[in-house]
PDB file of N, CA and C in Angstrom:
ATOM      1  N   VAL A   1    -115.295  23.438 174.587  1.00  0.00           N
ATOM      2  CA  VAL A   1    -116.112  23.575 173.388  1.00  0.00           C
ATOM      3  C   VAL A   1    -116.725  22.227 173.083  1.00  0.00           C
ATOM      4  N   ASP A   2    -117.944  22.232 172.636  1.00  0.00           N
ATOM      5  CA  ASP A   2    -118.640  21.019 172.214  1.00  0.00           C
ATOM      6  C   ASP A   2    -119.009  21.199 170.755  1.00  0.00           C
ATOM      7  N   ILE A   3    -118.156  20.766 169.864  1.00  0.00           N
ATOM      8  CA  ILE A   3    -118.443  20.914 168.442  1.00  0.00           C
ATOM      9  C   ILE A   3    -119.389  19.807 168.019  1.00  0.00           C
ATOM     10  N   SER A   4    -120.477  20.181 167.383  1.00  0.00           N
ATOM     11  CA  SER A   4    -121.412  19.227 166.793  1.00  0.00           C
ATOM     12  C   SER A   4    -122.179  19.946 165.700  1.00  0.00           C
ATOM     13  N   ALA A   5    -122.876  19.180 164.882  1.00  0.00           N
ATOM     14  CA  ALA A   5    -123.658  19.788 163.805  1.00  0.00           C
ATOM     15  C   ALA A   5    -124.727  20.715 164.370  1.00  0.00           C
ATOM     16  N   TYR A   6    -125.191  20.436 165.578  1.00  0.00           N
ATOM     17  CA  TYR A   6    -126.209  21.277 166.204  1.00  0.00           C
ATOM     18  C   TYR A   6    -125.655  22.631 166.633  1.00  0.00           C
ATOM     19  N   ASN A   7    -124.344  22.729 166.721  1.00  0.00           N
ATOM     20  CA  ASN A   7    -123.713  23.977 167.141  1.00  0.00           C
ATOM     21  C   ASN A   7    -123.201  24.796 165.969  1.00  0.00           C
ATOM     22  N   ALA A   8    -123.440  24.337 164.760  1.00  0.00           N
ATOM     23  CA  ALA A   8    -123.024  25.075 163.573  1.00  0.00           C
ATOM     24  C   ALA A   8    -124.208  25.914 163.089  1.00  0.00           C
ATOM     25  N   LEU A   9    -124.051  27.216 163.152  1.00  0.00           N
ATOM     26  CA  LEU A   9    -125.110  28.140 162.750  1.00  0.00           C
ATOM     27  C   LEU A   9    -124.757  28.737 161.401  1.00  0.00           C
ATOM     28  N   LEU A  10    -125.717  28.805 160.507  1.00  0.00           N
ATOM     29  CA  LEU A  10    -125.506  29.351 159.170  1.00  0.00           C
ATOM     30  C   LEU A  10    -126.218  30.685 159.065  1.00  0.00           C
ATOM     31  N   ASN A  11    -125.492  31.728 158.648  1.00  0.00           N
ATOM     32  CA  ASN A  11    -126.143  33.035 158.513  1.00  0.00           C
ATOM     33  C   ASN A  11    -126.628  33.241 157.076  1.00  0.00           C
ATOM     34  N   TRP A  12    -127.238  34.389 156.802  1.00  0.00           N
ATOM     35  CA  TRP A  12    -127.821  34.663 155.488  1.00  0.00           C
ATOM     36  C   TRP A  12    -126.784  34.675 154.375  1.00  0.00           C
ATOM     37  N   ASP A  13    -125.529  34.954 154.706  1.00  0.00           N
ATOM     38  CA  ASP A  13    -124.451  34.968 153.714  1.00  0.00           C
ATOM     39  C   ASP A  13    -123.784  33.604 153.573  1.00  0.00           C
ATOM     40  N   GLU A  14    -124.392  32.581 154.168  1.00  0.00           N
ATOM     41  CA  GLU A  14    -123.917  31.202 154.144  1.00  0.00           C
ATOM     42  C   GLU A  14    -122.557  31.028 154.820  1.00  0.00           C
ATOM     43  N   ASN A  15    -122.296  31.837 155.824  1.00  0.00           N
ATOM     44  CA  ASN A  15    -121.109  31.683 156.657  1.00  0.00           C
ATOM     45  C   ASN A  15    -121.480  30.833 157.862  1.00  0.00           C
ATOM     46  N   VAL A  16    -120.606  29.912 158.217  1.00  0.00           N
ATOM     47  CA  VAL A  16    -120.853  29.054 159.371  1.00  0.00           C
ATOM     48  C   VAL A  16    -120.223  29.683 160.607  1.00  0.00           C
ATOM     49  N   LYS A  17    -120.998  29.740 161.666  1.00  0.00           N
ATOM     50  CA  LYS A  17    -120.528  30.225 162.968  1.00  0.00           C
ATOM     51  C   LYS A  17    -120.722  29.090 163.966  1.00  0.00           C
ATOM     52  N   LEU A  18    -119.725  28.850 164.791  1.00  0.00           N
ATOM     53  CA  LEU A  18    -119.850  27.810 165.806  1.00  0.00           C
ATOM     54  C   LEU A  18    -120.362  28.412 167.103  1.00  0.00           C
ATOM     55  N   SER A  19    -121.307  27.722 167.713  1.00  0.00           N
ATOM     56  CA  SER A  19    -121.848  28.149 169.003  1.00  0.00           C
ATOM     57  C   SER A  19    -121.633  27.010 169.992  1.00  0.00           C
ATOM     58  N   ASP A  20    -121.766  27.301 171.248  1.00  0.00           N
ATOM     59  CA  ASP A  20    -121.602  26.260 172.260  1.00  0.00           C
ATOM     60  C   ASP A  20    -122.461  26.597 173.466  1.00  0.00           C
ATOM     61  N   PHE A  21    -123.535  25.835 173.628  1.00  0.00           N
ATOM     62  CA  PHE A  21    -124.434  26.058 174.751  1.00  0.00           C
ATOM     63  C   PHE A  21    -124.269  24.985 175.826  1.00  0.00           C
ATOM     64  N   THR A  22    -123.236  24.158 175.697  1.00  0.00           N
ATOM     65  CA  THR A  22    -122.981  23.119 176.684  1.00  0.00           C
ATOM     66  C   THR A  22    -122.750  23.737 178.053  1.00  0.00           C
ATOM     67  N   ARG A  23    -123.362  23.129 179.013  1.00  0.00           N
ATOM     68  CA  ARG A  23    -123.271  23.583 180.406  1.00  0.00           C
ATOM     69  C   ARG A  23    -123.812  24.997 180.591  1.00  0.00           C
ATOM     70  N   SER A  24    -124.691  25.402 179.681  1.00  0.00           N
ATOM     71  CA  SER A  24    -125.319  26.720 179.796  1.00  0.00           C
ATOM     72  C   SER A  24    -126.615  26.603 180.580  1.00  0.00           C
ATOM     73  N   SER A  25    -126.976  27.666 181.229  1.00  0.00           N
ATOM     74  CA  SER A  25    -128.255  27.705 181.927  1.00  0.00           C
ATOM     75  C   SER A  25    -128.781  29.132 181.884  1.00  0.00           C
ATOM     76  N   ILE A  26    -130.049  29.259 182.176  1.00  0.00           N
ATOM     77  CA  ILE A  26    -130.681  30.576 182.222  1.00  0.00           C
ATOM     78  C   ILE A  26    -131.042  30.852 183.672  1.00  0.00           C
ATOM     79  N   ASN A  27    -130.613  31.989 184.182  1.00  0.00           N
ATOM     80  CA  ASN A  27    -130.907  32.385 185.565  1.00  0.00           C
ATOM     81  C   ASN A  27    -130.533  31.309 186.582  1.00  0.00           C
ATOM     82  N   LYS A  28    -129.378  30.687 186.379  1.00  0.00           N
ATOM     83  CA  LYS A  28    -128.845  29.665 187.287  1.00  0.00           C
ATOM     84  C   LYS A  28    -129.743  28.434 187.415  1.00  0.00           C
ATOM     85  N   SER A  29    -130.522  28.168 186.379  1.00  0.00           N
ATOM     86  CA  SER A  29    -131.383  26.988 186.396  1.00  0.00           C
ATOM     87  C   SER A  29    -130.531  25.725 186.220  1.00  0.00           C
ATOM     88  N   THR A  30    -131.157  24.574 186.378  1.00  0.00           N
ATOM     89  CA  THR A  30    -130.471  23.303 186.208  1.00  0.00           C
ATOM     90  C   THR A  30    -129.958  23.189 184.781  1.00  0.00           C
ATOM     91  N   LEU A  31    -128.741  22.671 184.652  1.00  0.00           N
ATOM     92  CA  LEU A  31    -128.159  22.505 183.324  1.00  0.00           C
ATOM     93  C   LEU A  31    -128.938  21.454 182.546  1.00  0.00           C
ATOM     94  N   THR A  32    -129.283  21.791 181.315  1.00  0.00           N
ATOM     95  CA  THR A  32    -130.048  20.851 180.506  1.00  0.00           C
ATOM     96  C   THR A  32    -129.363  20.505 179.197  1.00  0.00           C
ATOM     97  N   VAL A  33    -128.300  21.191 178.849  1.00  0.00           N
ATOM     98  CA  VAL A  33    -127.603  20.932 177.597  1.00  0.00           C
ATOM     99  C   VAL A  33    -126.272  20.271 177.910  1.00  0.00           C
ATOM    100  N   LEU A  34    -126.086  19.060 177.417  1.00  0.00           N
ATOM    101  CA  LEU A  34    -124.852  18.319 177.646  1.00  0.00           C
ATOM    102  C   LEU A  34    -124.222  17.961 176.305  1.00  0.00           C
ATOM    103  N   PRO A  35    -122.922  17.703 176.264  1.00  0.00           N
ATOM    104  CA  PRO A  35    -122.271  17.355 175.005  1.00  0.00           C
ATOM    105  C   PRO A  35    -122.834  16.073 174.414  1.00  0.00           C
ATOM    106  N   SER A  36    -122.913  16.016 173.104  1.00  0.00           N
ATOM    107  CA  SER A  36    -123.341  14.818 172.402  1.00  0.00           C
ATOM    108  C   SER A  36    -122.183  13.833 172.345  1.00  0.00           C
ATOM    109  N   ARG A  37    -122.436  12.570 172.650  1.00  0.00           N
ATOM    110  CA  ARG A  37    -121.381  11.553 172.598  1.00  0.00           C
ATOM    111  C   ARG A  37    -121.384  10.815 171.270  1.00  0.00           C
ATOM    112  N   LYS A  38    -122.450  10.961 170.480  1.00  0.00           N
ATOM    113  CA  LYS A  38    -122.588  10.141 169.282  1.00  0.00           C
ATOM    114  C   LYS A  38    -121.500  10.388 168.245  1.00  0.00           C
ATOM    115  N   SER A  39    -120.992  11.606 168.150  1.00  0.00           N
ATOM    116  CA  SER A  39    -119.978  11.881 167.129  1.00  0.00           C
ATOM    117  C   SER A  39    -118.600  12.120 167.722  1.00  0.00           C
ATOM    118  N   GLN A  40    -118.419  11.750 168.987  1.00  0.00           N
ATOM    119  CA  GLN A  40    -117.125  11.953 169.628  1.00  0.00           C
ATOM    120  C   GLN A  40    -116.326  10.659 169.662  1.00  0.00           C
ATOM    121  N   ASN A  41    -115.025  10.785 169.738  1.00  0.00           N
ATOM    122  CA  ASN A  41    -114.123   9.651 169.768  1.00  0.00           C
ATOM    123  C   ASN A  41    -114.202   8.954 171.125  1.00  0.00           C
ATOM    124  N   PRO A  42    -114.631   7.678 171.163  1.00  0.00           N
ATOM    125  CA  PRO A  42    -114.775   6.973 172.442  1.00  0.00           C
ATOM    126  C   PRO A  42    -113.443   6.646 173.104  1.00  0.00           C
ATOM    127  N   ASN A  43    -112.342   6.798 172.394  1.00  0.00           N
ATOM    128  CA  ASN A  43    -111.028   6.512 172.971  1.00  0.00           C
ATOM    129  C   ASN A  43    -110.487   7.667 173.798  1.00  0.00           C
ATOM    130  N   LEU A  44    -111.139   8.816 173.748  1.00  0.00           N
ATOM    131  CA  LEU A  44    -110.686   9.982 174.497  1.00  0.00           C
ATOM    132  C   LEU A  44    -111.525  10.150 175.759  1.00  0.00           C
ATOM    133  N   PRO A  45    -110.974  10.757 176.809  1.00  0.00           N
ATOM    134  CA  PRO A  45    -111.714  10.949 178.065  1.00  0.00           C
ATOM    135  C   PRO A  45    -113.050  11.661 177.838  1.00  0.00           C
ATOM    136  N   LYS A  46    -114.094  11.193 178.517  1.00  0.00           N
ATOM    137  CA  LYS A  46    -115.439  11.733 178.313  1.00  0.00           C
ATOM    138  C   LYS A  46    -115.653  13.099 178.938  1.00  0.00           C
ATOM    139  N   ASN A  47    -114.963  13.409 179.987  1.00  0.00           N
ATOM    140  CA  ASN A  47    -115.221  14.658 180.699  1.00  0.00           C
ATOM    141  C   ASN A  47    -114.206  15.753 180.406  1.00  0.00           C
ATOM    142  N   GLU A  48    -113.396  15.554 179.395  1.00  0.00           N
ATOM    143  CA  GLU A  48    -112.401  16.564 179.060  1.00  0.00           C
ATOM    144  C   GLU A  48    -112.669  17.108 177.667  1.00  0.00           C
ATOM    145  N   SER A  49    -112.522  18.395 177.509  1.00  0.00           N
ATOM    146  CA  SER A  49    -112.658  19.012 176.202  1.00  0.00           C
ATOM    147  C   SER A  49    -111.268  19.087 175.595  1.00  0.00           C
ATOM    148  N   LEU A  50    -110.934  18.130 174.793  1.00  0.00           N
ATOM    149  CA  LEU A  50    -109.612  18.042 174.207  1.00  0.00           C
ATOM    150  C   LEU A  50    -109.647  18.452 172.742  1.00  0.00           C
ATOM    151  N   VAL A  51    -108.570  19.030 172.295  1.00  0.00           N
ATOM    152  CA  VAL A  51    -108.473  19.436 170.893  1.00  0.00           C
ATOM    153  C   VAL A  51    -108.695  18.225 169.985  1.00  0.00           C
ATOM    154  N   GLN A  52    -108.101  17.080 170.330  1.00  0.00           N
ATOM    155  CA  GLN A  52    -108.253  15.882 169.506  1.00  0.00           C
ATOM    156  C   GLN A  52    -109.715  15.462 169.390  1.00  0.00           C
ATOM    157  N   SER A  53    -110.443  15.581 170.482  1.00  0.00           N
ATOM    158  CA  SER A  53    -111.854  15.219 170.481  1.00  0.00           C
ATOM    159  C   SER A  53    -112.653  16.139 169.570  1.00  0.00           C
ATOM    160  N   GLU A  54    -112.346  17.426 169.624  1.00  0.00           N
ATOM    161  CA  GLU A  54    -113.068  18.391 168.792  1.00  0.00           C
ATOM    162  C   GLU A  54    -112.745  18.196 167.313  1.00  0.00           C
ATOM    163  N   ILE A  55    -111.500  17.869 167.003  1.00  0.00           N
ATOM    164  CA  ILE A  55    -111.116  17.627 165.609  1.00  0.00           C
ATOM    165  C   ILE A  55    -111.797  16.367 165.093  1.00  0.00           C
ATOM    166  N   PHE A  56    -111.855  15.334 165.931  1.00  0.00           N
ATOM    167  CA  PHE A  56    -112.557  14.107 165.557  1.00  0.00           C
ATOM    168  C   PHE A  56    -114.028  14.415 165.273  1.00  0.00           C
ATOM    169  N   THR A  57    -114.638  15.195 166.135  1.00  0.00           N
ATOM    170  CA  THR A  57    -116.039  15.561 165.960  1.00  0.00           C
ATOM    171  C   THR A  57    -116.233  16.381 164.690  1.00  0.00           C
ATOM    172  N   LEU A  58    -115.285  17.244 164.376  1.00  0.00           N
ATOM    173  CA  LEU A  58    -115.363  18.026 163.145  1.00  0.00           C
ATOM    174  C   LEU A  58    -115.431  17.109 161.931  1.00  0.00           C
ATOM    175  N   SER A  59    -114.680  16.013 161.947  1.00  0.00           N
ATOM    176  CA  SER A  59    -114.749  15.074 160.821  1.00  0.00           C
ATOM    177  C   SER A  59    -116.148  14.476 160.692  1.00  0.00           C
ATOM    178  N   SER A  60    -116.800  14.209 161.818  1.00  0.00           N
ATOM    179  CA  SER A  60    -118.172  13.688 161.789  1.00  0.00           C
ATOM    180  C   SER A  60    -119.142  14.720 161.233  1.00  0.00           C
ATOM    181  N   ILE A  61    -118.920  15.985 161.585  1.00  0.00           N
ATOM    182  CA  ILE A  61    -119.771  17.059 161.059  1.00  0.00           C
ATOM    183  C   ILE A  61    -119.614  17.159 159.550  1.00  0.00           C
ATOM    184  N   LEU A  62    -118.379  17.153 159.072  1.00  0.00           N
ATOM    185  CA  LEU A  62    -118.139  17.262 157.631  1.00  0.00           C
ATOM    186  C   LEU A  62    -118.726  16.069 156.888  1.00  0.00           C
ATOM    187  N   TYR A  63    -118.632  14.890 157.485  1.00  0.00           N
ATOM    188  CA  TYR A  63    -119.243  13.702 156.895  1.00  0.00           C
ATOM    189  C   TYR A  63    -120.755  13.900 156.777  1.00  0.00           C
ATOM    190  N   LYS A  64    -121.360  14.407 157.839  1.00  0.00           N
ATOM    191  CA  LYS A  64    -122.805  14.635 157.837  1.00  0.00           C
ATOM    192  C   LYS A  64    -123.200  15.722 156.840  1.00  0.00           C
ATOM    193  N   VAL A  65    -122.383  16.768 156.715  1.00  0.00           N
ATOM    194  CA  VAL A  65    -122.673  17.841 155.758  1.00  0.00           C
ATOM    195  C   VAL A  65    -122.762  17.267 154.346  1.00  0.00           C
ATOM    196  N   GLU A  66    -121.822  16.395 153.989  1.00  0.00           N
ATOM    197  CA  GLU A  66    -121.810  15.867 152.626  1.00  0.00           C
ATOM    198  C   GLU A  66    -122.802  14.734 152.399  1.00  0.00           C
ATOM    199  N   THR A  67    -123.017  13.887 153.394  1.00  0.00           N
ATOM    200  CA  THR A  67    -123.878  12.718 153.196  1.00  0.00           C
ATOM    201  C   THR A  67    -125.286  12.895 153.758  1.00  0.00           C
ATOM    202  N   THR A  68    -125.496  13.919 154.545  1.00  0.00           N
ATOM    203  CA  THR A  68    -126.747  14.220 155.273  1.00  0.00           C
ATOM    204  C   THR A  68    -127.051  13.200 156.378  1.00  0.00           C
ATOM    205  N   ARG A  69    -126.069  12.376 156.707  1.00  0.00           N
ATOM    206  CA  ARG A  69    -126.243  11.378 157.773  1.00  0.00           C
ATOM    207  C   ARG A  69    -125.009  11.347 158.664  1.00  0.00           C
ATOM    208  N   GLN A  70    -125.235  11.022 159.936  1.00  0.00           N
ATOM    209  CA  GLN A  70    -124.120  10.815 160.860  1.00  0.00           C
ATOM    210  C   GLN A  70    -123.346   9.574 160.413  1.00  0.00           C
ATOM    211  N   PRO A  71    -122.059   9.478 160.696  1.00  0.00           N
ATOM    212  CA  PRO A  71    -121.359   8.219 160.440  1.00  0.00           C
ATOM    213  C   PRO A  71    -122.056   7.079 161.193  1.00  0.00           C
ATOM    214  N   TYR A  72    -122.277   5.985 160.513  1.00  0.00           N
ATOM    215  CA  TYR A  72    -122.939   4.820 161.100  1.00  0.00           C
ATOM    216  C   TYR A  72    -124.282   5.190 161.738  1.00  0.00           C
ATOM    217  N   TYR A  73    -125.055   6.003 161.048  1.00  0.00           N
ATOM    218  CA  TYR A  73    -126.353   6.476 161.552  1.00  0.00           C
ATOM    219  C   TYR A  73    -127.296   5.336 161.912  1.00  0.00           C
ATOM    220  N   ASP A  74    -127.129   4.186 161.256  1.00  0.00           N
ATOM    221  CA  ASP A  74    -128.044   3.062 161.463  1.00  0.00           C
ATOM    222  C   ASP A  74    -127.568   2.094 162.553  1.00  0.00           C
ATOM    223  N   LYS A  75    -126.508   2.446 163.250  1.00  0.00           N
ATOM    224  CA  LYS A  75    -125.968   1.589 164.306  1.00  0.00           C
ATOM    225  C   LYS A  75    -126.339   2.131 165.682  1.00  0.00           C
ATOM    226  N   SER A  76    -126.357   1.247 166.657  1.00  0.00           N
ATOM    227  CA  SER A  76    -126.595   1.674 168.040  1.00  0.00           C
ATOM    228  C   SER A  76    -125.362   2.422 168.540  1.00  0.00           C
ATOM    229  N   LYS A  77    -125.520   3.108 169.661  1.00  0.00           N
ATOM    230  CA  LYS A  77    -124.399   3.855 170.234  1.00  0.00           C
ATOM    231  C   LYS A  77    -123.229   2.927 170.547  1.00  0.00           C
ATOM    232  N   SER A  78    -123.514   1.748 171.090  1.00  0.00           N
ATOM    233  CA  SER A  78    -122.428   0.819 171.435  1.00  0.00           C
ATOM    234  C   SER A  78    -121.738   0.283 170.182  1.00  0.00           C
ATOM    235  N   GLU A  79    -122.514   0.011 169.125  1.00  0.00           N
ATOM    236  CA  GLU A  79    -121.902  -0.440 167.868  1.00  0.00           C
ATOM    237  C   GLU A  79    -121.040   0.666 167.264  1.00  0.00           C
ATOM    238  N   LEU A  80    -121.542   1.888 167.314  1.00  0.00           N
ATOM    239  CA  LEU A  80    -120.803   3.040 166.803  1.00  0.00           C
ATOM    240  C   LEU A  80    -119.475   3.181 167.543  1.00  0.00           C
ATOM    241  N   GLU A  81    -119.508   3.087 168.871  1.00  0.00           N
ATOM    242  CA  GLU A  81    -118.291   3.206 169.666  1.00  0.00           C
ATOM    243  C   GLU A  81    -117.300   2.090 169.347  1.00  0.00           C
ATOM    244  N   LYS A  82    -117.808   0.878 169.073  1.00  0.00           N
ATOM    245  CA  LYS A  82    -116.917  -0.227 168.700  1.00  0.00           C
ATOM    246  C   LYS A  82    -116.209   0.080 167.386  1.00  0.00           C
ATOM    247  N   HIS A  83    -116.963   0.571 166.403  1.00  0.00           N
ATOM    248  CA  HIS A  83    -116.352   0.939 165.114  1.00  0.00           C
ATOM    249  C   HIS A  83    -115.257   1.980 165.325  1.00  0.00           C
ATOM    250  N   PHE A  84    -115.589   3.051 166.024  1.00  0.00           N
ATOM    251  CA  PHE A  84    -114.634   4.141 166.230  1.00  0.00           C
ATOM    252  C   PHE A  84    -113.438   3.686 167.064  1.00  0.00           C
ATOM    253  N   SER A  85    -113.670   2.839 168.069  1.00  0.00           N
ATOM    254  CA  SER A  85    -112.576   2.348 168.917  1.00  0.00           C
ATOM    255  C   SER A  85    -111.574   1.522 168.117  1.00  0.00           C
ATOM    256  N   ARG A  86    -112.080   0.798 167.119  1.00  0.00           N
ATOM    257  CA  ARG A  86    -111.208  -0.015 166.264  1.00  0.00           C
ATOM    258  C   ARG A  86    -110.568   0.800 165.144  1.00  0.00           C
ATOM    259  N   GLY A  87    -110.957   2.066 165.031  1.00  0.00           N
ATOM    260  CA  GLY A  87    -110.444   2.876 163.924  1.00  0.00           C
ATOM    261  C   GLY A  87    -111.124   2.524 162.617  1.00  0.00           C
ATOM    262  N   ASP A  88    -112.329   1.970 162.717  1.00  0.00           N
ATOM    263  CA  ASP A  88    -113.120   1.551 161.560  1.00  0.00           C
ATOM    264  C   ASP A  88    -114.097   2.672 161.223  1.00  0.00           C
ATOM    265  N   PHE A  89    -113.804   3.407 160.177  1.00  0.00           N
ATOM    266  CA  PHE A  89    -114.610   4.568 159.809  1.00  0.00           C
ATOM    267  C   PHE A  89    -115.335   4.321 158.493  1.00  0.00           C
ATOM    268  N   PRO A  90    -116.442   5.035 158.246  1.00  0.00           N
ATOM    269  CA  PRO A  90    -117.169   4.865 156.989  1.00  0.00           C
ATOM    270  C   PRO A  90    -116.277   5.189 155.784  1.00  0.00           C
ATOM    271  N   ASP A  91    -116.577   4.560 154.666  1.00  0.00           N
ATOM    272  CA  ASP A  91    -115.841   4.813 153.428  1.00  0.00           C
ATOM    273  C   ASP A  91    -116.099   6.243 152.964  1.00  0.00           C
ATOM    274  N   THR A  92    -115.047   6.975 152.707  1.00  0.00           N
ATOM    275  CA  THR A  92    -115.169   8.362 152.243  1.00  0.00           C
ATOM    276  C   THR A  92    -114.582   8.537 150.846  1.00  0.00           C
ATOM    277  N   SER A  93    -114.225   7.431 150.181  1.00  0.00           N
ATOM    278  CA  SER A  93    -113.513   7.520 148.905  1.00  0.00           C
ATOM    279  C   SER A  93    -114.278   8.290 147.832  1.00  0.00           C
ATOM    280  N   ALA A  94    -115.596   8.293 147.882  1.00  0.00           N
ATOM    281  CA  ALA A  94    -116.388   8.994 146.869  1.00  0.00           C
ATOM    282  C   ALA A  94    -116.800  10.402 147.308  1.00  0.00           C
ATOM    283  N   LEU A  95    -116.366  10.834 148.476  1.00  0.00           N
ATOM    284  CA  LEU A  95    -116.785  12.135 148.996  1.00  0.00           C
ATOM    285  C   LEU A  95    -115.840  13.249 148.565  1.00  0.00           C
ATOM    286  N   VAL A  96    -116.392  14.403 148.286  1.00  0.00           N
ATOM    287  CA  VAL A  96    -115.603  15.580 147.929  1.00  0.00           C
ATOM    288  C   VAL A  96    -114.721  16.003 149.105  1.00  0.00           C
ATOM    289  N   LEU A  97    -115.238  15.879 150.318  1.00  0.00           N
ATOM    290  CA  LEU A  97    -114.517  16.312 151.520  1.00  0.00           C
ATOM    291  C   LEU A  97    -113.619  15.228 152.121  1.00  0.00           C
ATOM    292  N   ARG A  98    -113.386  14.134 151.388  1.00  0.00           N
ATOM    293  CA  ARG A  98    -112.672  12.974 151.938  1.00  0.00           C
ATOM    294  C   ARG A  98    -111.304  13.315 152.527  1.00  0.00           C
ATOM    295  N   GLU A  99    -110.523  14.167 151.847  1.00  0.00           N
ATOM    296  CA  GLU A  99    -109.181  14.477 152.349  1.00  0.00           C
ATOM    297  C   GLU A  99    -109.237  15.237 153.673  1.00  0.00           C
ATOM    298  N   ILE A 100    -110.193  16.128 153.790  1.00  0.00           N
ATOM    299  CA  ILE A 100    -110.340  16.879 155.040  1.00  0.00           C
ATOM    300  C   ILE A 100    -110.837  15.954 156.146  1.00  0.00           C
ATOM    301  N   ILE A 101    -111.842  15.135 155.825  1.00  0.00           N
ATOM    302  CA  ILE A 101    -112.417  14.216 156.816  1.00  0.00           C
ATOM    303  C   ILE A 101    -111.355  13.245 157.322  1.00  0.00           C
ATOM    304  N   THR A 102    -110.630  12.622 156.414  1.00  0.00           N
ATOM    305  CA  THR A 102    -109.627  11.641 156.842  1.00  0.00           C
ATOM    306  C   THR A 102    -108.424  12.311 157.501  1.00  0.00           C
ATOM    307  N   GLY A 103    -108.222  13.586 157.237  1.00  0.00           N
ATOM    308  CA  GLY A 103    -107.145  14.328 157.886  1.00  0.00           C
ATOM    309  C   GLY A 103    -107.450  14.695 159.325  1.00  0.00           C
ATOM    310  N   CYS A 104    -108.723  14.593 159.690  1.00  0.00           N
ATOM    311  CA  CYS A 104    -109.119  14.909 161.066  1.00  0.00           C
ATOM    312  C   CYS A 104    -108.844  13.727 161.961  1.00  0.00           C
TER     313      CYS A 104
END
């Protein structure tokens, strides 16, 4: 599973459904959809779909839902990975979803 904000679909009743088109193709064409690395934990293996990785990504989605921005949206990918590798996460103290986000 590749959990990301792009894979969260909202229906007319405002229910969220998760989709996953990673490694999908049409009529055996070349794969064009790959997992996003921007909201994944850089400390976990890149080619494995691990529960920990998906839970970490869920926290990034919830952060984006409340703030409308990715964590460290203004940083480069390498800077973002450095923050996450050090366990340095954006301040969530003023967020309604803070307990859920920090619990991920």
